[in-house]
Amino acid sequence: MSRVPAAGANGFRAESAEFRELWAAHPVRTCATHTRAYRHPAVGPLTLTDELLTLPDDPGQRVVIYHAEPGSPSAAALRLLATAAGDGPVTVPPRRT
């Protein structure tokens, strides 16, 4: 752990009983991450990292968050999809056979 976050945690522990309780309980769960390649029919190849988060109050339920590296071609493709989704359905070009 770097010294800056540790120093911040020590300060919060000194000033907040609620923070001390949360810090002592350490209610942190593991998070699985994977980077995978996808091919979207409208924007082509995407490299996305997903994070799988468990929900402590809902056993068996999980949330998956996908993101692209900022500034990457995949991030630009996601922006294009988001823009297109705001206009209605995304048009998928016909497949070449």
PDB file of N, CA and C in Angstrom:
ATOM      1  N   MET A   1       0.854  -1.179   0.000  1.00  0.00           N
ATOM      2  CA  MET A   1       0.000   0.000   0.000  1.00  0.00           C
ATOM      3  C   MET A   1       0.896   1.236   0.000  1.00  0.00           C
ATOM      4  N   SER A   2       0.532   2.212  -0.808  1.00  0.00           N
ATOM      5  CA  SER A   2       1.357   3.419  -0.822  1.00  0.00           C
ATOM      6  C   SER A   2       1.114   4.225   0.444  1.00  0.00           C
ATOM      7  N   ARG A   3       2.021   5.118   0.733  1.00  0.00           N
ATOM      8  CA  ARG A   3       1.909   5.899   1.965  1.00  0.00           C
ATOM      9  C   ARG A   3       0.780   6.922   1.918  1.00  0.00           C
ATOM     10  N   VAL A   4       0.464   7.444   0.739  1.00  0.00           N
ATOM     11  CA  VAL A   4      -0.580   8.470   0.661  1.00  0.00           C
ATOM     12  C   VAL A   4      -1.944   7.906   1.037  1.00  0.00           C
ATOM     13  N   PRO A   5      -2.422   6.792   0.414  1.00  0.00           N
ATOM     14  CA  PRO A   5      -3.711   6.259   0.837  1.00  0.00           C
ATOM     15  C   PRO A   5      -3.719   5.821   2.292  1.00  0.00           C
ATOM     16  N   ALA A   6      -2.608   5.230   2.769  1.00  0.00           N
ATOM     17  CA  ALA A   6      -2.554   4.804   4.167  1.00  0.00           C
ATOM     18  C   ALA A   6      -2.672   6.002   5.096  1.00  0.00           C
ATOM     19  N   ALA A   7      -2.017   7.081   4.753  1.00  0.00           N
ATOM     20  CA  ALA A   7      -2.097   8.289   5.579  1.00  0.00           C
ATOM     21  C   ALA A   7      -3.523   8.824   5.582  1.00  0.00           C
ATOM     22  N   GLY A   8      -4.192   8.767   4.434  1.00  0.00           N
ATOM     23  CA  GLY A   8      -5.580   9.219   4.353  1.00  0.00           C
ATOM     24  C   GLY A   8      -6.483   8.358   5.217  1.00  0.00           C
ATOM     25  N   ALA A   9      -6.299   7.034   5.166  1.00  0.00           N
ATOM     26  CA  ALA A   9      -7.107   6.127   5.977  1.00  0.00           C
ATOM     27  C   ALA A   9      -6.872   6.386   7.457  1.00  0.00           C
ATOM     28  N   ASN A  10      -5.618   6.622   7.848  1.00  0.00           N
ATOM     29  CA  ASN A  10      -5.329   6.902   9.255  1.00  0.00           C
ATOM     30  C   ASN A  10      -6.030   8.172   9.720  1.00  0.00           C
ATOM     31  N   GLY A  11      -6.048   9.174   8.855  1.00  0.00           N
ATOM     32  CA  GLY A  11      -6.735  10.418   9.208  1.00  0.00           C
ATOM     33  C   GLY A  11      -8.230  10.207   9.369  1.00  0.00           C
ATOM     34  N   PHE A  12      -8.828   9.446   8.445  1.00  0.00           N
ATOM     35  CA  PHE A  12     -10.263   9.173   8.544  1.00  0.00           C
ATOM     36  C   PHE A  12     -10.574   8.359   9.799  1.00  0.00           C
ATOM     37  N   ARG A  13      -9.709   7.391  10.098  1.00  0.00           N
ATOM     38  CA  ARG A  13      -9.938   6.580  11.305  1.00  0.00           C
ATOM     39  C   ARG A  13      -9.880   7.445  12.551  1.00  0.00           C
ATOM     40  N   ALA A  14      -8.986   8.418  12.572  1.00  0.00           N
ATOM     41  CA  ALA A  14      -8.853   9.285  13.742  1.00  0.00           C
ATOM     42  C   ALA A  14     -10.072  10.190  13.912  1.00  0.00           C
ATOM     43  N   GLU A  15     -10.711  10.563  12.813  1.00  0.00           N
ATOM     44  CA  GLU A  15     -11.793  11.551  12.879  1.00  0.00           C
ATOM     45  C   GLU A  15     -13.195  10.978  12.818  1.00  0.00           C
ATOM     46  N   SER A  16     -13.369   9.724  12.402  1.00  0.00           N
ATOM     47  CA  SER A  16     -14.706   9.206  12.156  1.00  0.00           C
ATOM     48  C   SER A  16     -14.911   7.835  12.764  1.00  0.00           C
ATOM     49  N   ALA A  17     -15.836   7.745  13.710  1.00  0.00           N
ATOM     50  CA  ALA A  17     -16.171   6.455  14.318  1.00  0.00           C
ATOM     51  C   ALA A  17     -16.779   5.526  13.271  1.00  0.00           C
ATOM     52  N   GLU A  18     -17.602   6.073  12.382  1.00  0.00           N
ATOM     53  CA  GLU A  18     -18.223   5.248  11.337  1.00  0.00           C
ATOM     54  C   GLU A  18     -17.153   4.653  10.416  1.00  0.00           C
ATOM     55  N   PHE A  19     -16.166   5.482  10.035  1.00  0.00           N
ATOM     56  CA  PHE A  19     -15.091   4.979   9.181  1.00  0.00           C
ATOM     57  C   PHE A  19     -14.287   3.894   9.903  1.00  0.00           C
ATOM     58  N   ARG A  20     -14.015   4.087  11.194  1.00  0.00           N
ATOM     59  CA  ARG A  20     -13.268   3.083  11.963  1.00  0.00           C
ATOM     60  C   ARG A  20     -14.011   1.749  11.946  1.00  0.00           C
ATOM     61  N   GLU A  21     -15.337   1.786  12.118  1.00  0.00           N
ATOM     62  CA  GLU A  21     -16.126   0.552  12.097  1.00  0.00           C
ATOM     63  C   GLU A  21     -16.077  -0.119  10.731  1.00  0.00           C
ATOM     64  N   LEU A  22     -16.244   0.671   9.679  1.00  0.00           N
ATOM     65  CA  LEU A  22     -16.199   0.110   8.326  1.00  0.00           C
ATOM     66  C   LEU A  22     -14.820  -0.447   8.010  1.00  0.00           C
ATOM     67  N   TRP A  23     -13.786   0.282   8.411  1.00  0.00           N
ATOM     68  CA  TRP A  23     -12.410  -0.159   8.145  1.00  0.00           C
ATOM     69  C   TRP A  23     -12.135  -1.465   8.882  1.00  0.00           C
ATOM     70  N   ALA A  24     -12.588  -1.576  10.117  1.00  0.00           N
ATOM     71  CA  ALA A  24     -12.364  -2.790  10.905  1.00  0.00           C
ATOM     72  C   ALA A  24     -13.133  -3.977  10.320  1.00  0.00           C
ATOM     73  N   ALA A  25     -14.350  -3.733   9.823  1.00  0.00           N
ATOM     74  CA  ALA A  25     -15.160  -4.808   9.242  1.00  0.00           C
ATOM     75  C   ALA A  25     -14.590  -5.262   7.901  1.00  0.00           C
ATOM     76  N   HIS A  26     -13.945  -4.355   7.194  1.00  0.00           N
ATOM     77  CA  HIS A  26     -13.333  -4.623   5.898  1.00  0.00           C
ATOM     78  C   HIS A  26     -14.307  -5.338   4.953  1.00  0.00           C
ATOM     79  N   PRO A  27     -15.450  -4.700   4.634  1.00  0.00           N
ATOM     80  CA  PRO A  27     -16.466  -5.352   3.800  1.00  0.00           C
ATOM     81  C   PRO A  27     -16.133  -5.300   2.306  1.00  0.00           C
ATOM     82  N   VAL A  28     -14.932  -5.716   1.964  1.00  0.00           N
ATOM     83  CA  VAL A  28     -14.488  -5.668   0.571  1.00  0.00           C
ATOM     84  C   VAL A  28     -14.559  -7.073  -0.012  1.00  0.00           C
ATOM     85  N   ARG A  29     -15.122  -7.184  -1.175  1.00  0.00           N
ATOM     86  CA  ARG A  29     -15.212  -8.470  -1.864  1.00  0.00           C
ATOM     87  C   ARG A  29     -14.237  -8.475  -3.031  1.00  0.00           C
ATOM     88  N   THR A  30     -13.900  -9.661  -3.477  1.00  0.00           N
ATOM     89  CA  THR A  30     -13.007  -9.760  -4.615  1.00  0.00           C
ATOM     90  C   THR A  30     -13.740  -9.368  -5.893  1.00  0.00           C
ATOM     91  N   CYS A  31     -12.989  -8.957  -6.836  1.00  0.00           N
ATOM     92  CA  CYS A  31     -13.518  -8.522  -8.120  1.00  0.00           C
ATOM     93  C   CYS A  31     -12.724  -9.233  -9.199  1.00  0.00           C
ATOM     94  N   ALA A  32     -13.408  -9.985 -10.032  1.00  0.00           N
ATOM     95  CA  ALA A  32     -12.742 -10.690 -11.124  1.00  0.00           C
ATOM     96  C   ALA A  32     -12.705  -9.790 -12.353  1.00  0.00           C
ATOM     97  N   THR A  33     -11.558  -9.709 -12.994  1.00  0.00           N
ATOM     98  CA  THR A  33     -11.451  -8.917 -14.217  1.00  0.00           C
ATOM     99  C   THR A  33     -10.880  -9.779 -15.334  1.00  0.00           C
ATOM    100  N   HIS A  34     -11.343  -9.489 -16.530  1.00  0.00           N
ATOM    101  CA  HIS A  34     -10.866 -10.177 -17.726  1.00  0.00           C
ATOM    102  C   HIS A  34     -10.823  -9.175 -18.865  1.00  0.00           C
ATOM    103  N   THR A  35      -9.868  -9.312 -19.748  1.00  0.00           N
ATOM    104  CA  THR A  35      -9.847  -8.518 -20.977  1.00  0.00           C
ATOM    105  C   THR A  35     -10.091  -9.487 -22.125  1.00  0.00           C
ATOM    106  N   ARG A  36     -11.097  -9.138 -22.928  1.00  0.00           N
ATOM    107  CA  ARG A  36     -11.495 -10.031 -24.010  1.00  0.00           C
ATOM    108  C   ARG A  36     -11.707  -9.251 -25.297  1.00  0.00           C
ATOM    109  N   ALA A  37     -11.575  -9.968 -26.388  1.00  0.00           N
ATOM    110  CA  ALA A  37     -11.825  -9.386 -27.715  1.00  0.00           C
ATOM    111  C   ALA A  37     -13.225  -9.783 -28.172  1.00  0.00           C
ATOM    112  N   TYR A  38     -13.944  -8.810 -28.706  1.00  0.00           N
ATOM    113  CA  TYR A  38     -15.289  -9.023 -29.234  1.00  0.00           C
ATOM    114  C   TYR A  38     -15.330  -8.492 -30.664  1.00  0.00           C
ATOM    115  N   ARG A  39     -16.334  -8.919 -31.393  1.00  0.00           N
ATOM    116  CA  ARG A  39     -16.561  -8.377 -32.732  1.00  0.00           C
ATOM    117  C   ARG A  39     -18.017  -7.962 -32.787  1.00  0.00           C
ATOM    118  N   HIS A  40     -18.255  -6.650 -32.865  1.00  0.00           N
ATOM    119  CA  HIS A  40     -19.610  -6.112 -32.951  1.00  0.00           C
ATOM    120  C   HIS A  40     -19.961  -5.933 -34.418  1.00  0.00           C
ATOM    121  N   PRO A  41     -21.167  -6.328 -34.827  1.00  0.00           N
ATOM    122  CA  PRO A  41     -21.508  -6.252 -36.250  1.00  0.00           C
ATOM    123  C   PRO A  41     -21.540  -4.830 -36.812  1.00  0.00           C
ATOM    124  N   ALA A  42     -21.750  -3.826 -35.966  1.00  0.00           N
ATOM    125  CA  ALA A  42     -21.828  -2.456 -36.475  1.00  0.00           C
ATOM    126  C   ALA A  42     -20.507  -1.704 -36.399  1.00  0.00           C
ATOM    127  N   VAL A  43     -19.682  -2.000 -35.378  1.00  0.00           N
ATOM    128  CA  VAL A  43     -18.451  -1.210 -35.206  1.00  0.00           C
ATOM    129  C   VAL A  43     -17.177  -2.036 -35.307  1.00  0.00           C
ATOM    130  N   GLY A  44     -17.318  -3.336 -35.471  1.00  0.00           N
ATOM    131  CA  GLY A  44     -16.136  -4.169 -35.656  1.00  0.00           C
ATOM    132  C   GLY A  44     -15.502  -4.616 -34.354  1.00  0.00           C
ATOM    133  N   PRO A  45     -14.172  -4.789 -34.371  1.00  0.00           N
ATOM    134  CA  PRO A  45     -13.492  -5.363 -33.207  1.00  0.00           C
ATOM    135  C   PRO A  45     -13.478  -4.413 -32.010  1.00  0.00           C
ATOM    136  N   LEU A  46     -13.667  -5.002 -30.837  1.00  0.00           N
ATOM    137  CA  LEU A  46     -13.625  -4.277 -29.567  1.00  0.00           C
ATOM    138  C   LEU A  46     -12.765  -5.075 -28.596  1.00  0.00           C
ATOM    139  N   THR A  47     -11.928  -4.393 -27.854  1.00  0.00           N
ATOM    140  CA  THR A  47     -11.213  -5.023 -26.739  1.00  0.00           C
ATOM    141  C   THR A  47     -11.755  -4.378 -25.478  1.00  0.00           C
ATOM    142  N   LEU A  48     -12.436  -5.183 -24.673  1.00  0.00           N
ATOM    143  CA  LEU A  48     -13.089  -4.668 -23.469  1.00  0.00           C
ATOM    144  C   LEU A  48     -12.608  -5.426 -22.245  1.00  0.00           C
ATOM    145  N   THR A  49     -12.501  -4.711 -21.161  1.00  0.00           N
ATOM    146  CA  THR A  49     -12.210  -5.321 -19.870  1.00  0.00           C
ATOM    147  C   THR A  49     -13.505  -5.366 -19.092  1.00  0.00           C
ATOM    148  N   ASP A  50     -13.795  -6.515 -18.497  1.00  0.00           N
ATOM    149  CA  ASP A  50     -14.995  -6.609 -17.674  1.00  0.00           C
ATOM    150  C   ASP A  50     -14.588  -6.805 -16.225  1.00  0.00           C
ATOM    151  N   GLU A  51     -15.431  -6.327 -15.358  1.00  0.00           N
ATOM    152  CA  GLU A  51     -15.246  -6.525 -13.923  1.00  0.00           C
ATOM    153  C   GLU A  51     -16.516  -7.169 -13.398  1.00  0.00           C
ATOM    154  N   LEU A  52     -16.378  -8.289 -12.741  1.00  0.00           N
ATOM    155  CA  LEU A  52     -17.502  -9.028 -12.194  1.00  0.00           C
ATOM    156  C   LEU A  52     -17.584  -8.740 -10.703  1.00  0.00           C
ATOM    157  N   LEU A  53     -18.652  -8.101 -10.289  1.00  0.00           N
ATOM    158  CA  LEU A  53     -18.826  -7.702  -8.898  1.00  0.00           C
ATOM    159  C   LEU A  53     -19.966  -8.502  -8.275  1.00  0.00           C
ATOM    160  N   THR A  54     -19.735  -9.060  -7.110  1.00  0.00           N
ATOM    161  CA  THR A  54     -20.799  -9.758  -6.402  1.00  0.00           C
ATOM    162  C   THR A  54     -21.570  -8.751  -5.553  1.00  0.00           C
ATOM    163  N   LEU A  55     -22.833  -9.034  -5.343  1.00  0.00           N
ATOM    164  CA  LEU A  55     -23.674  -8.164  -4.532  1.00  0.00           C
ATOM    165  C   LEU A  55     -23.869  -8.833  -3.176  1.00  0.00           C
ATOM    166  N   PRO A  56     -23.281  -8.285  -2.130  1.00  0.00           N
ATOM    167  CA  PRO A  56     -23.293  -8.965  -0.833  1.00  0.00           C
ATOM    168  C   PRO A  56     -24.695  -9.155  -0.257  1.00  0.00           C
ATOM    169  N   ASP A  57     -25.640  -8.302  -0.609  1.00  0.00           N
ATOM    170  CA  ASP A  57     -26.991  -8.424  -0.058  1.00  0.00           C
ATOM    171  C   ASP A  57     -27.914  -9.260  -0.931  1.00  0.00           C
ATOM    172  N   ASP A  58     -27.430  -9.711  -2.100  1.00  0.00           N
ATOM    173  CA  ASP A  58     -28.230 -10.522  -3.011  1.00  0.00           C
ATOM    174  C   ASP A  58     -27.410 -11.718  -3.480  1.00  0.00           C
ATOM    175  N   PRO A  59     -27.355 -12.784  -2.681  1.00  0.00           N
ATOM    176  CA  PRO A  59     -26.546 -13.949  -3.051  1.00  0.00           C
ATOM    177  C   PRO A  59     -26.915 -14.466  -4.447  1.00  0.00           C
ATOM    178  N   GLY A  60     -25.905 -14.781  -5.210  1.00  0.00           N
ATOM    179  CA  GLY A  60     -26.121 -15.291  -6.558  1.00  0.00           C
ATOM    180  C   GLY A  60     -26.261 -14.210  -7.613  1.00  0.00           C
ATOM    181  N   GLN A  61     -26.447 -12.977  -7.209  1.00  0.00           N
ATOM    182  CA  GLN A  61     -26.579 -11.878  -8.153  1.00  0.00           C
ATOM    183  C   GLN A  61     -25.218 -11.212  -8.344  1.00  0.00           C
ATOM    184  N   ARG A  62     -24.922 -10.843  -9.582  1.00  0.00           N
ATOM    185  CA  ARG A  62     -23.654 -10.173  -9.883  1.00  0.00           C
ATOM    186  C   ARG A  62     -23.899  -9.045 -10.877  1.00  0.00           C
ATOM    187  N   VAL A  63     -22.999  -8.107 -10.888  1.00  0.00           N
ATOM    188  CA  VAL A  63     -23.025  -6.999 -11.838  1.00  0.00           C
ATOM    189  C   VAL A  63     -21.747  -7.102 -12.659  1.00  0.00           C
ATOM    190  N   VAL A  64     -21.884  -6.994 -13.978  1.00  0.00           N
ATOM    191  CA  VAL A  64     -20.718  -7.008 -14.856  1.00  0.00           C
ATOM    192  C   VAL A  64     -20.590  -5.629 -15.479  1.00  0.00           C
ATOM    193  N   ILE A  65     -19.423  -5.042 -15.357  1.00  0.00           N
ATOM    194  CA  ILE A  65     -19.141  -3.719 -15.909  1.00  0.00           C
ATOM    195  C   ILE A  65     -18.103  -3.896 -17.006  1.00  0.00           C
ATOM    196  N   TYR A  66     -18.400  -3.362 -18.176  1.00  0.00           N
ATOM    197  CA  TYR A  66     -17.471  -3.434 -19.305  1.00  0.00           C
ATOM    198  C   TYR A  66     -16.913  -2.045 -19.569  1.00  0.00           C
ATOM    199  N   HIS A  67     -15.624  -1.973 -19.890  1.00  0.00           N
ATOM    200  CA  HIS A  67     -15.043  -0.689 -20.275  1.00  0.00           C
ATOM    201  C   HIS A  67     -13.882  -0.911 -21.232  1.00  0.00           C
ATOM    202  N   ALA A  68     -13.608   0.124 -21.995  1.00  0.00           N
ATOM    203  CA  ALA A  68     -12.487   0.096 -22.937  1.00  0.00           C
ATOM    204  C   ALA A  68     -11.392   1.011 -22.408  1.00  0.00           C
ATOM    205  N   GLU A  69     -10.184   0.751 -22.817  1.00  0.00           N
ATOM    206  CA  GLU A  69      -9.048   1.605 -22.445  1.00  0.00           C
ATOM    207  C   GLU A  69      -9.306   3.008 -22.990  1.00  0.00           C
ATOM    208  N   PRO A  70      -9.233   4.048 -22.139  1.00  0.00           N
ATOM    209  CA  PRO A  70      -9.464   5.418 -22.619  1.00  0.00           C
ATOM    210  C   PRO A  70      -8.552   5.760 -23.800  1.00  0.00           C
ATOM    211  N   GLY A  71      -9.133   6.389 -24.811  1.00  0.00           N
ATOM    212  CA  GLY A  71      -8.371   6.818 -25.977  1.00  0.00           C
ATOM    213  C   GLY A  71      -8.121   5.725 -27.003  1.00  0.00           C
ATOM    214  N   SER A  72      -8.585   4.523 -26.729  1.00  0.00           N
ATOM    215  CA  SER A  72      -8.350   3.401 -27.644  1.00  0.00           C
ATOM    216  C   SER A  72      -9.404   3.382 -28.758  1.00  0.00           C
ATOM    217  N   PRO A  73      -9.135   2.643 -29.833  1.00  0.00           N
ATOM    218  CA  PRO A  73     -10.149   2.470 -30.871  1.00  0.00           C
ATOM    219  C   PRO A  73     -11.438   1.852 -30.314  1.00  0.00           C
ATOM    220  N   SER A  74     -11.305   0.986 -29.317  1.00  0.00           N
ATOM    221  CA  SER A  74     -12.492   0.381 -28.702  1.00  0.00           C
ATOM    222  C   SER A  74     -13.321   1.430 -27.970  1.00  0.00           C
ATOM    223  N   ALA A  75     -12.670   2.380 -27.312  1.00  0.00           N
ATOM    224  CA  ALA A  75     -13.401   3.461 -26.635  1.00  0.00           C
ATOM    225  C   ALA A  75     -14.155   4.305 -27.659  1.00  0.00           C
ATOM    226  N   ALA A  76     -13.518   4.581 -28.792  1.00  0.00           N
ATOM    227  CA  ALA A  76     -14.188   5.341 -29.853  1.00  0.00           C
ATOM    228  C   ALA A  76     -15.383   4.566 -30.392  1.00  0.00           C
ATOM    229  N   ALA A  77     -15.239   3.254 -30.546  1.00  0.00           N
ATOM    230  CA  ALA A  77     -16.340   2.426 -31.039  1.00  0.00           C
ATOM    231  C   ALA A  77     -17.501   2.420 -30.045  1.00  0.00           C
ATOM    232  N   LEU A  78     -17.212   2.373 -28.746  1.00  0.00           N
ATOM    233  CA  LEU A  78     -18.274   2.420 -27.738  1.00  0.00           C
ATOM    234  C   LEU A  78     -19.001   3.762 -27.768  1.00  0.00           C
ATOM    235  N   ARG A  79     -18.238   4.853 -27.967  1.00  0.00           N
ATOM    236  CA  ARG A  79     -18.877   6.170 -28.083  1.00  0.00           C
ATOM    237  C   ARG A  79     -19.805   6.214 -29.292  1.00  0.00           C
ATOM    238  N   LEU A  80     -19.355   5.627 -30.392  1.00  0.00           N
ATOM    239  CA  LEU A  80     -20.173   5.569 -31.601  1.00  0.00           C
ATOM    240  C   LEU A  80     -21.453   4.781 -31.338  1.00  0.00           C
ATOM    241  N   LEU A  81     -21.343   3.658 -30.652  1.00  0.00           N
ATOM    242  CA  LEU A  81     -22.530   2.874 -30.321  1.00  0.00           C
ATOM    243  C   LEU A  81     -23.469   3.644 -29.401  1.00  0.00           C
ATOM    244  N   ALA A  82     -22.916   4.337 -28.416  1.00  0.00           N
ATOM    245  CA  ALA A  82     -23.746   5.118 -27.498  1.00  0.00           C
ATOM    246  C   ALA A  82     -24.484   6.225 -28.241  1.00  0.00           C
ATOM    247  N   THR A  83     -23.802   6.880 -29.167  1.00  0.00           N
ATOM    248  CA  THR A  83     -24.429   7.938 -29.957  1.00  0.00           C
ATOM    249  C   THR A  83     -25.539   7.353 -30.818  1.00  0.00           C
ATOM    250  N   ALA A  84     -25.259   6.239 -31.467  1.00  0.00           N
ATOM    251  CA  ALA A  84     -26.253   5.600 -32.318  1.00  0.00           C
ATOM    252  C   ALA A  84     -27.446   5.122 -31.502  1.00  0.00           C
ATOM    253  N   ALA A  85     -27.202   4.612 -30.299  1.00  0.00           N
ATOM    254  CA  ALA A  85     -28.289   4.123 -29.453  1.00  0.00           C
ATOM    255  C   ALA A  85     -29.214   5.258 -29.043  1.00  0.00           C
ATOM    256  N   GLY A  86     -28.664   6.469 -28.887  1.00  0.00           N
ATOM    257  CA  GLY A  86     -29.494   7.622 -28.551  1.00  0.00           C
ATOM    258  C   GLY A  86     -30.422   8.013 -29.689  1.00  0.00           C
ATOM    259  N   ASP A  87     -30.073   7.627 -30.907  1.00  0.00           N
ATOM    260  CA  ASP A  87     -30.891   7.940 -32.076  1.00  0.00           C
ATOM    261  C   ASP A  87     -31.878   6.835 -32.403  1.00  0.00           C
ATOM    262  N   GLY A  88     -31.855   5.741 -31.677  1.00  0.00           N
ATOM    263  CA  GLY A  88     -32.716   4.601 -31.982  1.00  0.00           C
ATOM    264  C   GLY A  88     -31.870   3.370 -32.198  1.00  0.00           C
ATOM    265  N   PRO A  89     -32.442   2.345 -32.817  1.00  0.00           N
ATOM    266  CA  PRO A  89     -31.688   1.105 -33.013  1.00  0.00           C
ATOM    267  C   PRO A  89     -30.430   1.320 -33.846  1.00  0.00           C
ATOM    268  N   VAL A  90     -29.394   0.579 -33.498  1.00  0.00           N
ATOM    269  CA  VAL A  90     -28.142   0.638 -34.241  1.00  0.00           C
ATOM    270  C   VAL A  90     -28.317  -0.180 -35.518  1.00  0.00           C
ATOM    271  N   THR A  91     -28.001   0.416 -36.651  1.00  0.00           N
ATOM    272  CA  THR A  91     -28.108  -0.290 -37.928  1.00  0.00           C
ATOM    273  C   THR A  91     -26.883  -1.162 -38.125  1.00  0.00           C
ATOM    274  N   VAL A  92     -27.133  -2.414 -38.379  1.00  0.00           N
ATOM    275  CA  VAL A  92     -26.050  -3.362 -38.604  1.00  0.00           C
ATOM    276  C   VAL A  92     -25.892  -3.562 -40.097  1.00  0.00           C
ATOM    277  N   PRO A  93     -24.684  -3.330 -40.626  1.00  0.00           N
ATOM    278  CA  PRO A  93     -24.498  -3.529 -42.071  1.00  0.00           C
ATOM    279  C   PRO A  93     -24.691  -4.997 -42.427  1.00  0.00           C
ATOM    280  N   PRO A  94     -25.163  -5.274 -43.631  1.00  0.00           N
ATOM    281  CA  PRO A  94     -25.346  -6.678 -44.024  1.00  0.00           C
ATOM    282  C   PRO A  94     -24.011  -7.403 -44.079  1.00  0.00           C
ATOM    283  N   ARG A  95     -24.049  -8.688 -43.772  1.00  0.00           N
ATOM    284  CA  ARG A  95     -22.842  -9.510 -43.807  1.00  0.00           C
ATOM    285  C   ARG A  95     -22.487  -9.830 -45.244  1.00  0.00           C
ATOM    286  N   ARG A  96     -21.192  -9.845 -45.494  1.00  0.00           N
ATOM    287  CA  ARG A  96     -20.716 -10.278 -46.792  1.00  0.00           C
ATOM    288  C   ARG A  96     -20.616 -11.792 -46.796  1.00  0.00           C
ATOM    289  N   THR A  97     -21.073 -12.401 -47.838  1.00  0.00           N
ATOM    290  CA  THR A  97     -20.990 -13.867 -47.901  1.00  0.00           C
ATOM    291  C   THR A  97     -20.001 -14.309 -48.938  1.00  0.00           C
TER     292      THR A  97
END
